[in-house]
Structure formats: C-alpha cells, structure tokens
Amino acid sequence: MKNTIRCCISCILPCGALDVIRIVHSTGRVEEISGSIKASDIMKAYPKHVLKKPSSSSDDGMVPKIVIVPPDAELQRGKIYFLIPLPSTPDKT
C-alpha cells in the first residue's frame, strides 16, 4: 500500500493545479475540490471513511505514523488527502 500511495502522489502532483484540494479514493479515483471544505463534510458524504494525510518516508527506518485528519479540520488547497474505509468491526453475539 505504501508504494501504491507514493506512485499515486507522483502521478498527481505534476498533472494538476495547486489551488485545489485532492481526495484520493481507495479505488484510485481522484476528486478535486476547488472551494473550502471541512473534513467532516467529506466524511458525511462517505460514511465509514476517514481522511488521512500522506505520510513522508522516515530516514531512521521507523514506520511513519498514520495521520488521520480530525473532522473539524479545514482541508487545505494544494494538499492531497486519502479517503480510507474504516475497518469493519466483528459483530458481538
């Protein structure tokens, strides 16, 4: 998954304008938003999903931490966010 995200970012960055917000879906589809929007608006449109910021590679060999965007955060133009489905929880019987 890590290499897939890197490839996806390298394809998106040179091809698009920097004044839009890009949401990369788990299917690979890229949604571009030109206005201001909060993470909660995206999460309402896609229930059971969270937005993740791309993580940079770590020089010390440690696994980079996953940064989940809080719902009240304003998404920034020129940035890329990944829409990740939440893992399903097993039903308790």
PDB file of N, CA and C in Angstrom:
ATOM      1  N   MET A   1       0.829  -1.192   0.000  1.00  0.00           N
ATOM      2  CA  MET A   1       0.000   0.000   0.000  1.00  0.00           C
ATOM      3  C   MET A   1       0.869   1.250   0.000  1.00  0.00           C
ATOM      4  N   LYS A   2       1.998   1.190   0.733  1.00  0.00           N
ATOM      5  CA  LYS A   2       2.880   2.344   0.832  1.00  0.00           C
ATOM      6  C   LYS A   2       3.406   2.750  -0.546  1.00  0.00           C
ATOM      7  N   ASN A   3       3.846   1.781  -1.347  1.00  0.00           N
ATOM      8  CA  ASN A   3       4.360   2.083  -2.684  1.00  0.00           C
ATOM      9  C   ASN A   3       3.249   2.569  -3.602  1.00  0.00           C
ATOM     10  N   THR A   4       2.044   2.052  -3.419  1.00  0.00           N
ATOM     11  CA  THR A   4       0.912   2.497  -4.223  1.00  0.00           C
ATOM     12  C   THR A   4       0.622   3.962  -3.973  1.00  0.00           C
ATOM     13  N   ILE A   5       0.663   4.374  -2.708  1.00  0.00           N
ATOM     14  CA  ILE A   5       0.406   5.774  -2.368  1.00  0.00           C
ATOM     15  C   ILE A   5       1.490   6.659  -2.956  1.00  0.00           C
ATOM     16  N   ARG A   6       2.743   6.243  -2.863  1.00  0.00           N
ATOM     17  CA  ARG A   6       3.835   7.041  -3.440  1.00  0.00           C
ATOM     18  C   ARG A   6       3.659   7.206  -4.943  1.00  0.00           C
ATOM     19  N   CYS A   7       3.315   6.123  -5.629  1.00  0.00           N
ATOM     20  CA  CYS A   7       3.107   6.173  -7.071  1.00  0.00           C
ATOM     21  C   CYS A   7       1.959   7.109  -7.395  1.00  0.00           C
ATOM     22  N   CYS A   8       0.897   7.004  -6.636  1.00  0.00           N
ATOM     23  CA  CYS A   8      -0.276   7.836  -6.859  1.00  0.00           C
ATOM     24  C   CYS A   8       0.082   9.312  -6.695  1.00  0.00           C
ATOM     25  N   ILE A   9       0.826   9.646  -5.644  1.00  0.00           N
ATOM     26  CA  ILE A   9       1.223  11.032  -5.410  1.00  0.00           C
ATOM     27  C   ILE A   9       2.112  11.525  -6.536  1.00  0.00           C
ATOM     28  N   SER A  10       3.044  10.709  -6.989  1.00  0.00           N
ATOM     29  CA  SER A  10       3.955  11.148  -8.046  1.00  0.00           C
ATOM     30  C   SER A  10       3.218  11.385  -9.355  1.00  0.00           C
ATOM     31  N   CYS A  11       2.109  10.693  -9.568  1.00  0.00           N
ATOM     32  CA  CYS A  11       1.319  10.907 -10.781  1.00  0.00           C
ATOM     33  C   CYS A  11       0.440  12.142 -10.675  1.00  0.00           C
ATOM     34  N   ILE A  12      -0.051  12.439  -9.487  1.00  0.00           N
ATOM     35  CA  ILE A  12      -0.988  13.544  -9.304  1.00  0.00           C
ATOM     36  C   ILE A  12      -0.277  14.889  -9.301  1.00  0.00           C
ATOM     37  N   LEU A  13       0.831  14.992  -8.587  1.00  0.00           N
ATOM     38  CA  LEU A  13       1.464  16.285  -8.376  1.00  0.00           C
ATOM     39  C   LEU A  13       1.812  17.041  -9.653  1.00  0.00           C
ATOM     40  N   PRO A  14       2.468  16.446 -10.640  1.00  0.00           N
ATOM     41  CA  PRO A  14       2.829  17.242 -11.807  1.00  0.00           C
ATOM     42  C   PRO A  14       1.649  17.553 -12.718  1.00  0.00           C
ATOM     43  N   CYS A  15       0.559  16.826 -12.570  1.00  0.00           N
ATOM     44  CA  CYS A  15      -0.537  16.929 -13.526  1.00  0.00           C
ATOM     45  C   CYS A  15      -1.600  17.948 -13.171  1.00  0.00           C
ATOM     46  N   GLY A  16      -1.649  18.415 -11.950  1.00  0.00           N
ATOM     47  CA  GLY A  16      -2.779  19.248 -11.555  1.00  0.00           C
ATOM     48  C   GLY A  16      -2.370  20.592 -10.999  1.00  0.00           C
ATOM     49  N   ALA A  17      -3.376  21.440 -10.850  1.00  0.00           N
ATOM     50  CA  ALA A  17      -3.162  22.767 -10.290  1.00  0.00           C
ATOM     51  C   ALA A  17      -2.971  22.664  -8.782  1.00  0.00           C
ATOM     52  N   LEU A  18      -2.311  23.650  -8.209  1.00  0.00           N
ATOM     53  CA  LEU A  18      -2.058  23.651  -6.777  1.00  0.00           C
ATOM     54  C   LEU A  18      -3.154  24.354  -5.988  1.00  0.00           C
ATOM     55  N   ASP A  19      -4.169  24.877  -6.666  1.00  0.00           N
ATOM     56  CA  ASP A  19      -5.211  25.621  -5.962  1.00  0.00           C
ATOM     57  C   ASP A  19      -6.455  24.786  -5.697  1.00  0.00           C
ATOM     58  N   VAL A  20      -6.338  23.467  -5.760  1.00  0.00           N
ATOM     59  CA  VAL A  20      -7.470  22.587  -5.474  1.00  0.00           C
ATOM     60  C   VAL A  20      -7.086  21.608  -4.366  1.00  0.00           C
ATOM     61  N   ILE A  21      -8.108  21.065  -3.727  1.00  0.00           N
ATOM     62  CA  ILE A  21      -7.933  20.010  -2.735  1.00  0.00           C
ATOM     63  C   ILE A  21      -8.140  18.699  -3.467  1.00  0.00           C
ATOM     64  N   ARG A  22      -7.241  17.752  -3.276  1.00  0.00           N
ATOM     65  CA  ARG A  22      -7.379  16.452  -3.936  1.00  0.00           C
ATOM     66  C   ARG A  22      -7.683  15.380  -2.903  1.00  0.00           C
ATOM     67  N   ILE A  23      -8.742  14.616  -3.186  1.00  0.00           N
ATOM     68  CA  ILE A  23      -9.120  13.480  -2.350  1.00  0.00           C
ATOM     69  C   ILE A  23      -8.901  12.227  -3.189  1.00  0.00           C
ATOM     70  N   VAL A  24      -8.018  11.350  -2.738  1.00  0.00           N
ATOM     71  CA  VAL A  24      -7.753  10.101  -3.444  1.00  0.00           C
ATOM     72  C   VAL A  24      -8.567   9.002  -2.770  1.00  0.00           C
ATOM     73  N   HIS A  25      -9.469   8.395  -3.532  1.00  0.00           N
ATOM     74  CA  HIS A  25     -10.324   7.324  -3.019  1.00  0.00           C
ATOM     75  C   HIS A  25      -9.564   6.004  -3.045  1.00  0.00           C
ATOM     76  N   SER A  26     -10.038   5.030  -2.294  1.00  0.00           N
ATOM     77  CA  SER A  26      -9.369   3.726  -2.234  1.00  0.00           C
ATOM     78  C   SER A  26      -9.391   3.010  -3.582  1.00  0.00           C
ATOM     79  N   THR A  27     -10.291   3.425  -4.469  1.00  0.00           N
ATOM     80  CA  THR A  27     -10.356   2.845  -5.814  1.00  0.00           C
ATOM     81  C   THR A  27      -9.333   3.469  -6.756  1.00  0.00           C
ATOM     82  N   GLY A  28      -8.682   4.556  -6.309  1.00  0.00           N
ATOM     83  CA  GLY A  28      -7.725   5.259  -7.149  1.00  0.00           C
ATOM     84  C   GLY A  28      -8.294   6.507  -7.794  1.00  0.00           C
ATOM     85  N   ARG A  29      -9.605   6.685  -7.691  1.00  0.00           N
ATOM     86  CA  ARG A  29     -10.238   7.878  -8.263  1.00  0.00           C
ATOM     87  C   ARG A  29      -9.783   9.106  -7.482  1.00  0.00           C
ATOM     88  N   VAL A  30      -9.499  10.191  -8.206  1.00  0.00           N
ATOM     89  CA  VAL A  30      -9.069  11.435  -7.583  1.00  0.00           C
ATOM     90  C   VAL A  30     -10.175  12.463  -7.744  1.00  0.00           C
ATOM     91  N   GLU A  31     -10.641  12.975  -6.618  1.00  0.00           N
ATOM     92  CA  GLU A  31     -11.685  14.002  -6.605  1.00  0.00           C
ATOM     93  C   GLU A  31     -11.013  15.339  -6.328  1.00  0.00           C
ATOM     94  N   GLU A  32     -11.293  16.345  -7.154  1.00  0.00           N
ATOM     95  CA  GLU A  32     -10.712  17.671  -6.958  1.00  0.00           C
ATOM     96  C   GLU A  32     -11.796  18.625  -6.491  1.00  0.00           C
ATOM     97  N   ILE A  33     -11.510  19.351  -5.426  1.00  0.00           N
ATOM     98  CA  ILE A  33     -12.458  20.299  -4.846  1.00  0.00           C
ATOM     99  C   ILE A  33     -11.805  21.671  -4.883  1.00  0.00           C
ATOM    100  N   SER A  34     -12.507  22.635  -5.469  1.00  0.00           N
ATOM    101  CA  SER A  34     -11.903  23.960  -5.622  1.00  0.00           C
ATOM    102  C   SER A  34     -12.269  24.915  -4.493  1.00  0.00           C
ATOM    103  N   GLY A  35     -13.356  24.677  -3.802  1.00  0.00           N
ATOM    104  CA  GLY A  35     -13.764  25.563  -2.706  1.00  0.00           C
ATOM    105  C   GLY A  35     -13.213  25.095  -1.375  1.00  0.00           C
ATOM    106  N   SER A  36     -13.540  25.845  -0.328  1.00  0.00           N
ATOM    107  CA  SER A  36     -13.117  25.418   1.003  1.00  0.00           C
ATOM    108  C   SER A  36     -14.102  24.378   1.534  1.00  0.00           C
ATOM    109  N   ILE A  37     -13.570  23.430   2.281  1.00  0.00           N
ATOM    110  CA  ILE A  37     -14.392  22.335   2.792  1.00  0.00           C
ATOM    111  C   ILE A  37     -13.728  21.766   4.038  1.00  0.00           C
ATOM    112  N   LYS A  38     -14.556  21.280   4.944  1.00  0.00           N
ATOM    113  CA  LYS A  38     -14.044  20.646   6.164  1.00  0.00           C
ATOM    114  C   LYS A  38     -14.014  19.135   5.972  1.00  0.00           C
ATOM    115  N   ALA A  39     -13.172  18.493   6.741  1.00  0.00           N
ATOM    116  CA  ALA A  39     -13.066  17.034   6.681  1.00  0.00           C
ATOM    117  C   ALA A  39     -14.406  16.381   7.006  1.00  0.00           C
ATOM    118  N   SER A  40     -15.170  16.977   7.920  1.00  0.00           N
ATOM    119  CA  SER A  40     -16.470  16.406   8.298  1.00  0.00           C
ATOM    120  C   SER A  40     -17.433  16.364   7.120  1.00  0.00           C
ATOM    121  N   ASP A  41     -17.343  17.340   6.208  1.00  0.00           N
ATOM    122  CA  ASP A  41     -18.210  17.342   5.021  1.00  0.00           C
ATOM    123  C   ASP A  41     -17.905  16.137   4.127  1.00  0.00           C
ATOM    124  N   ILE A  42     -16.634  15.823   3.986  1.00  0.00           N
ATOM    125  CA  ILE A  42     -16.242  14.659   3.184  1.00  0.00           C
ATOM    126  C   ILE A  42     -16.689  13.377   3.882  1.00  0.00           C
ATOM    127  N   MET A  43     -16.503  13.322   5.202  1.00  0.00           N
ATOM    128  CA  MET A  43     -16.871  12.123   5.955  1.00  0.00           C
ATOM    129  C   MET A  43     -18.385  11.897   5.972  1.00  0.00           C
ATOM    130  N   LYS A  44     -19.162  12.981   5.909  1.00  0.00           N
ATOM    131  CA  LYS A  44     -20.623  12.836   5.814  1.00  0.00           C
ATOM    132  C   LYS A  44     -21.011  12.267   4.453  1.00  0.00           C
ATOM    133  N   ALA A  45     -20.304  12.700   3.417  1.00  0.00           N
ATOM    134  CA  ALA A  45     -20.593  12.210   2.062  1.00  0.00           C
ATOM    135  C   ALA A  45     -20.153  10.756   1.892  1.00  0.00           C
ATOM    136  N   TYR A  46     -19.156  10.343   2.659  1.00  0.00           N
ATOM    137  CA  TYR A  46     -18.633   8.975   2.578  1.00  0.00           C
ATOM    138  C   TYR A  46     -18.611   8.371   3.985  1.00  0.00           C
ATOM    139  N   PRO A  47     -19.771   7.889   4.460  1.00  0.00           N
ATOM    140  CA  PRO A  47     -19.818   7.310   5.811  1.00  0.00           C
ATOM    141  C   PRO A  47     -18.862   6.120   5.938  1.00  0.00           C
ATOM    142  N   LYS A  48     -18.404   5.905   7.136  1.00  0.00           N
ATOM    143  CA  LYS A  48     -17.478   4.808   7.457  1.00  0.00           C
ATOM    144  C   LYS A  48     -16.137   4.952   6.741  1.00  0.00           C
ATOM    145  N   HIS A  49     -15.737   6.207   6.500  1.00  0.00           N
ATOM    146  CA  HIS A  49     -14.432   6.515   5.917  1.00  0.00           C
ATOM    147  C   HIS A  49     -13.763   7.600   6.757  1.00  0.00           C
ATOM    148  N   VAL A  50     -12.450   7.661   6.706  1.00  0.00           N
ATOM    149  CA  VAL A  50     -11.685   8.737   7.331  1.00  0.00           C
ATOM    150  C   VAL A  50     -10.742   9.325   6.292  1.00  0.00           C
ATOM    151  N   LEU A  51     -10.294  10.536   6.557  1.00  0.00           N
ATOM    152  CA  LEU A  51      -9.303  11.173   5.692  1.00  0.00           C
ATOM    153  C   LEU A  51      -7.936  11.038   6.345  1.00  0.00           C
ATOM    154  N   LYS A  52      -6.959  10.704   5.536  1.00  0.00           N
ATOM    155  CA  LYS A  52      -5.593  10.516   6.004  1.00  0.00           C
ATOM    156  C   LYS A  52      -4.674  11.431   5.213  1.00  0.00           C
ATOM    157  N   LYS A  53      -3.729  12.037   5.908  1.00  0.00           N
ATOM    158  CA  LYS A  53      -2.693  12.815   5.232  1.00  0.00           C
ATOM    159  C   LYS A  53      -1.626  11.844   4.743  1.00  0.00           C
ATOM    160  N   PRO A  54      -0.979  12.164   3.612  1.00  0.00           N
ATOM    161  CA  PRO A  54       0.120  11.292   3.176  1.00  0.00           C
ATOM    162  C   PRO A  54       1.258  11.353   4.188  1.00  0.00           C
ATOM    163  N   SER A  55       1.865  10.219   4.460  1.00  0.00           N
ATOM    164  CA  SER A  55       2.976  10.188   5.405  1.00  0.00           C
ATOM    165  C   SER A  55       4.281  10.202   4.632  1.00  0.00           C
ATOM    166  N   SER A  56       5.238  10.941   5.150  1.00  0.00           N
ATOM    167  CA  SER A  56       6.539  11.001   4.485  1.00  0.00           C
ATOM    168  C   SER A  56       7.377   9.818   4.928  1.00  0.00           C
ATOM    169  N   SER A  57       8.317   9.445   4.081  1.00  0.00           N
ATOM    170  CA  SER A  57       9.179   8.314   4.428  1.00  0.00           C
ATOM    171  C   SER A  57      10.098   8.720   5.571  1.00  0.00           C
ATOM    172  N   SER A  58      10.401   7.774   6.382  1.00  0.00           N
ATOM    173  CA  SER A  58      11.222   8.017   7.556  1.00  0.00           C
ATOM    174  C   SER A  58      12.679   7.666   7.252  1.00  0.00           C
ATOM    175  N   ASP A  59      13.599   8.566   7.597  1.00  0.00           N
ATOM    176  CA  ASP A  59      15.023   8.327   7.360  1.00  0.00           C
ATOM    177  C   ASP A  59      15.625   7.361   8.384  1.00  0.00           C
ATOM    178  N   ASP A  60      15.018   7.262   9.556  1.00  0.00           N
ATOM    179  CA  ASP A  60      15.588   6.420  10.605  1.00  0.00           C
ATOM    180  C   ASP A  60      15.118   4.969  10.535  1.00  0.00           C
ATOM    181  N   GLY A  61      14.394   4.616   9.480  1.00  0.00           N
ATOM    182  CA  GLY A  61      13.958   3.242   9.300  1.00  0.00           C
ATOM    183  C   GLY A  61      12.691   2.880  10.045  1.00  0.00           C
ATOM    184  N   MET A  62      12.162   3.806  10.821  1.00  0.00           N
ATOM    185  CA  MET A  62      10.931   3.531  11.559  1.00  0.00           C
ATOM    186  C   MET A  62       9.731   3.713  10.635  1.00  0.00           C
ATOM    187  N   VAL A  63       8.672   3.017  10.937  1.00  0.00           N
ATOM    188  CA  VAL A  63       7.450   3.128  10.145  1.00  0.00           C
ATOM    189  C   VAL A  63       6.824   4.492  10.414  1.00  0.00           C
ATOM    190  N   PRO A  64       6.510   5.264   9.352  1.00  0.00           N
ATOM    191  CA  PRO A  64       5.895   6.568   9.579  1.00  0.00           C
ATOM    192  C   PRO A  64       4.511   6.401  10.201  1.00  0.00           C
ATOM    193  N   LYS A  65       4.148   7.351  11.059  1.00  0.00           N
ATOM    194  CA  LYS A  65       2.846   7.245  11.707  1.00  0.00           C
ATOM    195  C   LYS A  65       1.745   7.687  10.749  1.00  0.00           C
ATOM    196  N   ILE A  66       0.569   7.136  10.955  1.00  0.00           N
ATOM    197  CA  ILE A  66      -0.590   7.494  10.144  1.00  0.00           C
ATOM    198  C   ILE A  66      -1.227   8.725  10.767  1.00  0.00           C
ATOM    199  N   VAL A  67      -1.460   9.742   9.962  1.00  0.00           N
ATOM    200  CA  VAL A  67      -2.057  10.975  10.457  1.00  0.00           C
ATOM    201  C   VAL A  67      -3.480  11.071   9.924  1.00  0.00           C
ATOM    202  N   ILE A  68      -4.449  10.880  10.820  1.00  0.00           N
ATOM    203  CA  ILE A  68      -5.857  10.992  10.468  1.00  0.00           C
ATOM    204  C   ILE A  68      -6.266  12.450  10.640  1.00  0.00           C
ATOM    205  N   VAL A  69      -6.986  12.980   9.667  1.00  0.00           N
ATOM    206  CA  VAL A  69      -7.434  14.372   9.707  1.00  0.00           C
ATOM    207  C   VAL A  69      -8.651  14.462  10.629  1.00  0.00           C
ATOM    208  N   PRO A  70      -8.636  15.345  11.633  1.00  0.00           N
ATOM    209  CA  PRO A  70      -9.800  15.489  12.509  1.00  0.00           C
ATOM    210  C   PRO A  70     -10.998  16.059  11.744  1.00  0.00           C
ATOM    211  N   PRO A  71     -12.222  15.685  12.136  1.00  0.00           N
ATOM    212  CA  PRO A  71     -13.412  16.131  11.405  1.00  0.00           C
ATOM    213  C   PRO A  71     -13.567  17.649  11.313  1.00  0.00           C
ATOM    214  N   ASP A  72     -13.103  18.389  12.316  1.00  0.00           N
ATOM    215  CA  ASP A  72     -13.286  19.841  12.294  1.00  0.00           C
ATOM    216  C   ASP A  72     -12.186  20.574  11.521  1.00  0.00           C
ATOM    217  N   ALA A  73     -11.251  19.839  10.946  1.00  0.00           N
ATOM    218  CA  ALA A  73     -10.137  20.461  10.214  1.00  0.00           C
ATOM    219  C   ALA A  73     -10.591  20.973   8.851  1.00  0.00           C
ATOM    220  N   GLU A  74     -10.115  22.148   8.505  1.00  0.00           N
ATOM    221  CA  GLU A  74     -10.348  22.724   7.180  1.00  0.00           C
ATOM    222  C   GLU A  74      -9.300  22.132   6.241  1.00  0.00           C
ATOM    223  N   LEU A  75      -9.747  21.533   5.144  1.00  0.00           N
ATOM    224  CA  LEU A  75      -8.804  20.953   4.188  1.00  0.00           C
ATOM    225  C   LEU A  75      -8.108  22.082   3.431  1.00  0.00           C
ATOM    226  N   GLN A  76      -6.834  21.900   3.148  1.00  0.00           N
ATOM    227  CA  GLN A  76      -6.023  22.956   2.549  1.00  0.00           C
ATOM    228  C   GLN A  76      -5.839  22.736   1.057  1.00  0.00           C
ATOM    229  N   ARG A  77      -5.962  23.825   0.310  1.00  0.00           N
ATOM    230  CA  ARG A  77      -5.727  23.764  -1.136  1.00  0.00           C
ATOM    231  C   ARG A  77      -4.272  23.404  -1.399  1.00  0.00           C
ATOM    232  N   GLY A  78      -4.069  22.640  -2.465  1.00  0.00           N
ATOM    233  CA  GLY A  78      -2.724  22.205  -2.819  1.00  0.00           C
ATOM    234  C   GLY A  78      -2.293  20.942  -2.102  1.00  0.00           C
ATOM    235  N   LYS A  79      -3.120  20.458  -1.185  1.00  0.00           N
ATOM    236  CA  LYS A  79      -2.791  19.250  -0.425  1.00  0.00           C
ATOM    237  C   LYS A  79      -3.552  18.051  -0.978  1.00  0.00           C
ATOM    238  N   ILE A  80      -3.022  16.876  -0.700  1.00  0.00           N
ATOM    239  CA  ILE A  80      -3.641  15.616  -1.105  1.00  0.00           C
ATOM    240  C   ILE A  80      -4.060  14.879   0.161  1.00  0.00           C
ATOM    241  N   TYR A  81      -5.265  14.339   0.136  1.00  0.00           N
ATOM    242  CA  TYR A  81      -5.789  13.559   1.259  1.00  0.00           C
ATOM    243  C   TYR A  81      -6.261  12.216   0.717  1.00  0.00           C
ATOM    244  N   PHE A  82      -6.165  11.190   1.542  1.00  0.00           N
ATOM    245  CA  PHE A  82      -6.598   9.855   1.147  1.00  0.00           C
ATOM    246  C   PHE A  82      -7.848   9.485   1.923  1.00  0.00           C
ATOM    247  N   LEU A  83      -8.878   9.053   1.203  1.00  0.00           N
ATOM    248  CA  LEU A  83     -10.131   8.620   1.807  1.00  0.00           C
ATOM    249  C   LEU A  83     -10.025   7.113   2.041  1.00  0.00           C
ATOM    250  N   ILE A  84      -9.957   6.733   3.303  1.00  0.00           N
ATOM    251  CA  ILE A  84      -9.703   5.344   3.672  1.00  0.00           C
ATOM    252  C   ILE A  84     -10.933   4.775   4.373  1.00  0.00           C
ATOM    253  N   PRO A  85     -11.412   3.605   3.934  1.00  0.00           N
ATOM    254  CA  PRO A  85     -12.549   2.995   4.638  1.00  0.00           C
ATOM    255  C   PRO A  85     -12.137   2.508   6.027  1.00  0.00           C
ATOM    256  N   LEU A  86     -13.034   2.687   6.982  1.00  0.00           N
ATOM    257  CA  LEU A  86     -12.791   2.172   8.326  1.00  0.00           C
ATOM    258  C   LEU A  86     -12.893   0.653   8.301  1.00  0.00           C
ATOM    259  N   PRO A  87     -12.070  -0.025   9.075  1.00  0.00           N
ATOM    260  CA  PRO A  87     -12.191  -1.489   9.115  1.00  0.00           C
ATOM    261  C   PRO A  87     -13.517  -1.872   9.763  1.00  0.00           C
ATOM    262  N   SER A  88     -14.112  -2.915   9.254  1.00  0.00           N
ATOM    263  CA  SER A  88     -15.380  -3.360   9.833  1.00  0.00           C
ATOM    264  C   SER A  88     -15.100  -4.068  11.152  1.00  0.00           C
ATOM    265  N   THR A  89     -15.993  -3.855  12.102  1.00  0.00           N
ATOM    266  CA  THR A  89     -15.844  -4.496  13.403  1.00  0.00           C
ATOM    267  C   THR A  89     -16.700  -5.753  13.437  1.00  0.00           C
ATOM    268  N   PRO A  90     -16.172  -6.810  13.998  1.00  0.00           N
ATOM    269  CA  PRO A  90     -16.973  -8.042  14.059  1.00  0.00           C
ATOM    270  C   PRO A  90     -18.169  -7.854  14.984  1.00  0.00           C
ATOM    271  N   ASP A  91     -19.283  -8.447  14.606  1.00  0.00           N
ATOM    272  CA  ASP A  91     -20.493  -8.373  15.421  1.00  0.00           C
ATOM    273  C   ASP A  91     -20.321  -9.231  16.664  1.00  0.00           C
ATOM    274  N   LYS A  92     -20.744  -8.676  17.797  1.00  0.00           N
ATOM    275  CA  LYS A  92     -20.703  -9.449  19.042  1.00  0.00           C
ATOM    276  C   LYS A  92     -22.023 -10.178  19.201  1.00  0.00           C
ATOM    277  N   THR A  93     -21.938 -11.452  19.477  1.00  0.00           N
ATOM    278  CA  THR A  93     -23.168 -12.241  19.650  1.00  0.00           C
ATOM    279  C   THR A  93     -23.302 -12.743  21.058  1.00  0.00           C
TER     280      THR A  93
END
